[in-house]
Amino acid sequence: MIREIAALWDEHLMTMRTVEHLQMFSISLIISVIIGVIIGVLIYSKPNIASPTLNILNILETIPDMALIVILLPLLRLGTGPTIAASVIYSILPIARNTYIGLKGVDDQYIYVAEAIGLSPREVLLKVRIPISLPLIAGGIRIALVFTMGVVTLGGLVAAGGLGTVIQNGIQLYEKDAILLAGLWTGILAVILDLAAGSIEKKLHERYGIWQPQQ
């Protein structure tokens, strides 16, 4: 059994595909975190644009992931481009929303103390609001992680590489073993990454002790 799995693993270049998959996943998630946090801070600073911005992100989230990748094809062509772009678009909402809610929900007593010791509004944001909001921001990133893993897997349909390629080839060639192996391995990776994110979220909650970690 182990030999058969090893042979199938080598036949479908699973190690290389895993590296490709994690590279696309990492790039997508990093970009999503940067953009999502920036948007969250921006809409917190300008409350009048918060609702329209979140509504637009909600609308983008309703577009089927495969349809979004196809829409992006004329602009970014086949390969990693449309896959990463679609992953980012899907993952921005939970990060931006949680950042906004976290910043907005910080207890006034912490702000009063910060202002009393002479911190400027910028310093209050960077040294008080953002740190206290980290558990909730981490919860948003954890949700985005799941979205990103799913969309990156679909990248195999547009020649992006990764484990989605193995699944796609398996479907085309009716190789059930390849589909099962790649599908299970993708699921295992998603669980491992989610557990790691959950552990980080829990540590942040233990340190700041305000937001309950999302399940």
Protein backbone atom coordinates (compact mmCIF):
# COMPACT_ATOMS: atom_id res chain seq x y z
CA MET A 1 0.00 0.00 0.00
CA ILE A 2 2.74 2.45 0.98
CA ARG A 3 4.75 1.53 -2.12
CA GLU A 4 1.71 2.12 -4.32
CA ILE A 5 1.12 5.53 -2.77
CA ALA A 6 4.83 6.41 -3.14
CA ALA A 7 4.77 5.36 -6.79
CA LEU A 8 1.65 7.40 -7.43
CA TRP A 9 3.19 10.35 -5.58
CA ASP A 10 6.29 10.23 -7.80
CA GLU A 11 4.32 9.63 -10.98
CA HIS A 12 2.30 12.81 -10.50
CA LEU A 13 5.21 14.91 -9.21
CA MET A 14 3.36 15.56 -5.98
CA THR A 15 6.32 17.15 -4.21
CA MET A 16 6.78 19.72 -6.96
CA ARG A 17 3.03 20.34 -7.16
CA THR A 18 2.87 20.81 -3.39
CA VAL A 19 5.65 23.43 -3.53
CA GLU A 20 3.84 25.23 -6.37
CA HIS A 21 0.60 25.09 -4.41
CA LEU A 22 2.12 26.50 -1.23
CA GLN A 23 3.91 29.23 -3.17
CA MET A 24 0.66 30.45 -4.75
CA PHE A 25 -1.10 30.09 -1.41
CA SER A 26 1.57 32.09 0.47
CA ILE A 27 1.73 34.90 -2.09
CA SER A 28 -2.07 35.17 -2.20
CA LEU A 29 -2.47 35.20 1.58
CA ILE A 30 0.30 37.74 2.17
CA ILE A 31 -1.18 40.12 -0.42
CA SER A 32 -4.66 39.58 1.05
CA VAL A 33 -3.47 40.37 4.58
CA ILE A 34 -1.71 43.56 3.49
CA ILE A 35 -4.65 44.84 1.43
CA GLY A 36 -7.28 43.66 3.92
CA VAL A 37 -5.65 45.33 6.93
CA ILE A 38 -5.08 48.55 4.97
CA ILE A 39 -8.74 48.63 3.90
CA GLY A 40 -9.85 47.85 7.46
CA VAL A 41 -7.79 50.72 8.88
CA LEU A 42 -8.97 53.05 6.10
CA ILE A 43 -12.67 52.41 6.61
CA TYR A 44 -12.20 52.72 10.38
CA SER A 45 -10.56 56.12 9.84
CA LYS A 46 -13.31 57.16 7.40
CA PRO A 47 -16.57 55.62 8.72
CA ASN A 48 -18.65 57.15 5.91
CA ILE A 49 -17.07 54.78 3.37
CA ALA A 50 -17.18 51.70 5.60
CA SER A 51 -20.61 50.44 4.58
CA PRO A 52 -20.18 50.96 0.78
CA THR A 53 -16.74 49.36 0.86
CA LEU A 54 -17.87 46.29 2.78
CA ASN A 55 -20.92 46.00 0.50
CA ILE A 56 -18.69 45.98 -2.59
CA LEU A 57 -16.46 43.31 -1.03
CA ASN A 58 -19.58 41.30 -0.16
CA ILE A 59 -20.76 41.47 -3.78
CA LEU A 60 -17.36 40.27 -5.03
CA GLU A 61 -17.59 37.38 -2.58
CA THR A 62 -20.85 36.21 -4.16
CA ILE A 63 -19.25 35.64 -7.58
CA PRO A 64 -18.55 31.90 -8.03
CA ASP A 65 -14.82 31.29 -7.67
CA MET A 66 -14.44 29.51 -11.02
CA ALA A 67 -16.40 32.26 -12.78
CA LEU A 68 -14.14 34.89 -11.23
CA ILE A 69 -11.02 33.09 -12.45
CA VAL A 70 -12.51 32.91 -15.98
CA ILE A 71 -13.38 36.63 -15.87
CA LEU A 72 -9.76 37.40 -14.99
CA LEU A 73 -8.31 35.25 -17.78
CA PRO A 74 -8.44 37.91 -20.54
CA LEU A 75 -6.57 40.33 -18.29
CA LEU A 76 -4.02 38.02 -16.67
CA ARG A 77 -3.92 35.06 -19.10
CA LEU A 78 -3.41 31.43 -18.18
CA GLY A 79 -1.23 30.57 -15.20
CA THR A 80 -0.80 31.81 -11.68
CA GLY A 81 -1.99 35.37 -12.35
CA PRO A 82 -5.79 34.85 -12.37
CA THR A 83 -5.51 32.26 -9.60
CA ILE A 84 -3.65 34.56 -7.22
CA ALA A 85 -5.87 37.53 -8.13
CA ALA A 86 -9.07 35.55 -7.50
CA SER A 87 -7.69 34.24 -4.20
CA VAL A 88 -6.89 37.77 -3.06
CA ILE A 89 -10.31 39.12 -4.07
CA TYR A 90 -12.06 36.37 -2.11
CA SER A 91 -9.85 36.71 0.95
CA ILE A 92 -9.90 40.48 1.47
CA LEU A 93 -13.41 40.67 2.95
CA PRO A 94 -12.95 38.66 6.19
CA ILE A 95 -9.64 40.38 6.94
CA ALA A 96 -10.90 43.91 6.23
CA ARG A 97 -14.16 43.31 8.09
CA ASN A 98 -12.48 41.86 11.17
CA THR A 99 -9.87 44.61 11.19
CA TYR A 100 -12.58 47.27 11.03
CA ILE A 101 -14.71 45.62 13.73
CA GLY A 102 -11.66 45.08 15.93
CA LEU A 103 -10.46 48.68 15.70
CA LYS A 104 -13.95 50.06 16.21
CA GLY A 105 -14.71 47.82 19.17
CA VAL A 106 -11.72 48.61 21.38
CA ASP A 107 -12.96 49.62 24.84
CA ASP A 108 -12.89 53.37 25.44
CA GLN A 109 -11.05 52.93 28.73
CA TYR A 110 -7.89 51.92 26.84
CA ILE A 111 -8.19 54.97 24.60
CA TYR A 112 -8.67 57.30 27.58
CA VAL A 113 -5.55 55.95 29.23
CA ALA A 114 -3.54 56.25 26.01
CA GLU A 115 -4.66 59.83 25.47
CA ALA A 116 -4.01 60.66 29.12
CA ILE A 117 -0.35 59.72 28.80
CA GLY A 118 -0.02 61.91 25.73
CA LEU A 119 -0.23 59.53 22.79
CA SER A 120 -1.20 61.08 19.45
CA PRO A 121 -4.14 59.65 17.44
CA ARG A 122 -1.63 57.86 15.19
CA GLU A 123 0.15 56.37 18.18
CA VAL A 124 -3.17 55.32 19.71
CA LEU A 125 -3.98 53.48 16.48
CA LEU A 126 -0.60 51.78 16.15
CA LYS A 127 0.13 51.09 19.82
CA VAL A 128 -3.33 50.48 21.27
CA ARG A 129 -6.10 49.79 18.76
CA ILE A 130 -4.23 47.52 16.35
CA PRO A 131 -2.53 45.36 19.04
CA ILE A 132 -5.80 44.89 20.94
CA SER A 133 -7.54 44.02 17.65
CA LEU A 134 -4.96 41.36 16.68
CA PRO A 135 -7.01 38.36 17.89
CA LEU A 136 -9.95 39.39 15.74
CA ILE A 137 -7.70 40.21 12.78
CA ALA A 138 -6.14 36.77 13.15
CA GLY A 139 -9.63 35.27 13.04
CA GLY A 140 -10.24 37.01 9.71
CA ILE A 141 -6.94 35.74 8.36
CA ARG A 142 -7.89 32.23 9.44
CA ILE A 143 -11.10 32.46 7.41
CA ALA A 144 -9.17 33.88 4.45
CA LEU A 145 -6.75 30.97 4.68
CA VAL A 146 -9.55 28.51 3.93
CA PHE A 147 -10.80 30.61 1.00
CA THR A 148 -7.30 30.91 -0.42
CA MET A 149 -6.60 27.19 -0.24
CA GLY A 150 -9.83 26.44 -2.10
CA VAL A 151 -9.29 28.95 -4.91
CA VAL A 152 -5.64 28.00 -5.39
CA THR A 153 -6.73 24.40 -5.88
CA LEU A 154 -8.97 25.54 -8.75
CA GLY A 155 -5.91 27.08 -10.38
CA GLY A 156 -5.17 23.71 -11.94
CA LEU A 157 -8.00 24.40 -14.37
CA VAL A 158 -6.14 27.40 -15.83
CA ALA A 159 -2.63 25.95 -15.99
CA ALA A 160 -1.50 27.53 -12.72
CA GLY A 161 0.13 24.37 -11.44
CA GLY A 162 -0.20 23.18 -7.88
CA LEU A 163 -2.21 20.25 -6.60
CA GLY A 164 -5.19 21.34 -8.67
CA THR A 165 -3.26 20.21 -11.75
CA VAL A 166 -3.07 16.66 -10.43
CA ILE A 167 -6.80 16.68 -9.73
CA GLN A 168 -7.57 18.10 -13.17
CA ASN A 169 -5.35 15.54 -14.92
CA GLY A 170 -6.96 12.80 -12.89
CA ILE A 171 -10.42 13.91 -14.02
CA GLN A 172 -9.40 14.09 -17.66
CA LEU A 173 -7.68 10.70 -17.62
CA TYR A 174 -10.21 9.04 -15.28
CA GLU A 175 -7.49 8.28 -12.72
CA LYS A 176 -9.42 7.93 -9.49
CA ASP A 177 -6.31 7.21 -7.43
CA ALA A 178 -4.67 10.48 -8.52
CA ILE A 179 -7.82 12.46 -7.70
CA LEU A 180 -8.10 10.80 -4.30
CA LEU A 181 -4.42 11.30 -3.45
CA ALA A 182 -4.31 14.97 -4.47
CA GLY A 183 -7.70 15.67 -2.86
CA LEU A 184 -6.76 14.08 0.45
CA TRP A 185 -3.35 15.75 0.53
CA THR A 186 -4.92 19.15 -0.20
CA GLY A 187 -7.36 18.56 2.65
CA ILE A 188 -4.56 17.56 5.02
CA LEU A 189 -2.58 20.69 4.14
CA ALA A 190 -5.66 22.84 4.74
CA VAL A 191 -6.22 21.25 8.17
CA ILE A 192 -2.55 21.69 9.16
CA LEU A 193 -2.56 25.35 8.13
CA ASP A 194 -5.87 25.98 9.88
CA LEU A 195 -4.57 24.41 13.09
CA ALA A 196 -1.46 26.59 12.91
CA ALA A 197 -3.58 29.70 12.37
CA GLY A 198 -5.88 28.66 15.21
CA SER A 199 -2.91 28.24 17.53
CA ILE A 200 -1.63 31.73 16.70
CA GLU A 201 -5.12 33.17 17.18
CA LYS A 202 -5.41 31.49 20.57
CA LYS A 203 -2.03 32.86 21.72
CA LEU A 204 -3.02 36.36 20.67
CA HIS A 205 -6.27 36.00 22.57
CA GLU A 206 -4.43 34.79 25.67
CA ARG A 207 -2.09 37.77 25.49
CA TYR A 208 -4.69 40.47 24.87
CA GLY A 209 -7.68 38.71 26.42
CA ILE A 210 -10.48 40.71 24.86
CA TRP A 211 -11.80 39.00 21.73
CA GLN A 212 -12.95 35.41 21.79
CA PRO A 213 -11.23 33.42 19.01
CA GLN A 214 -13.60 32.43 16.19
CA GLN A 215 -14.21 28.74 15.66
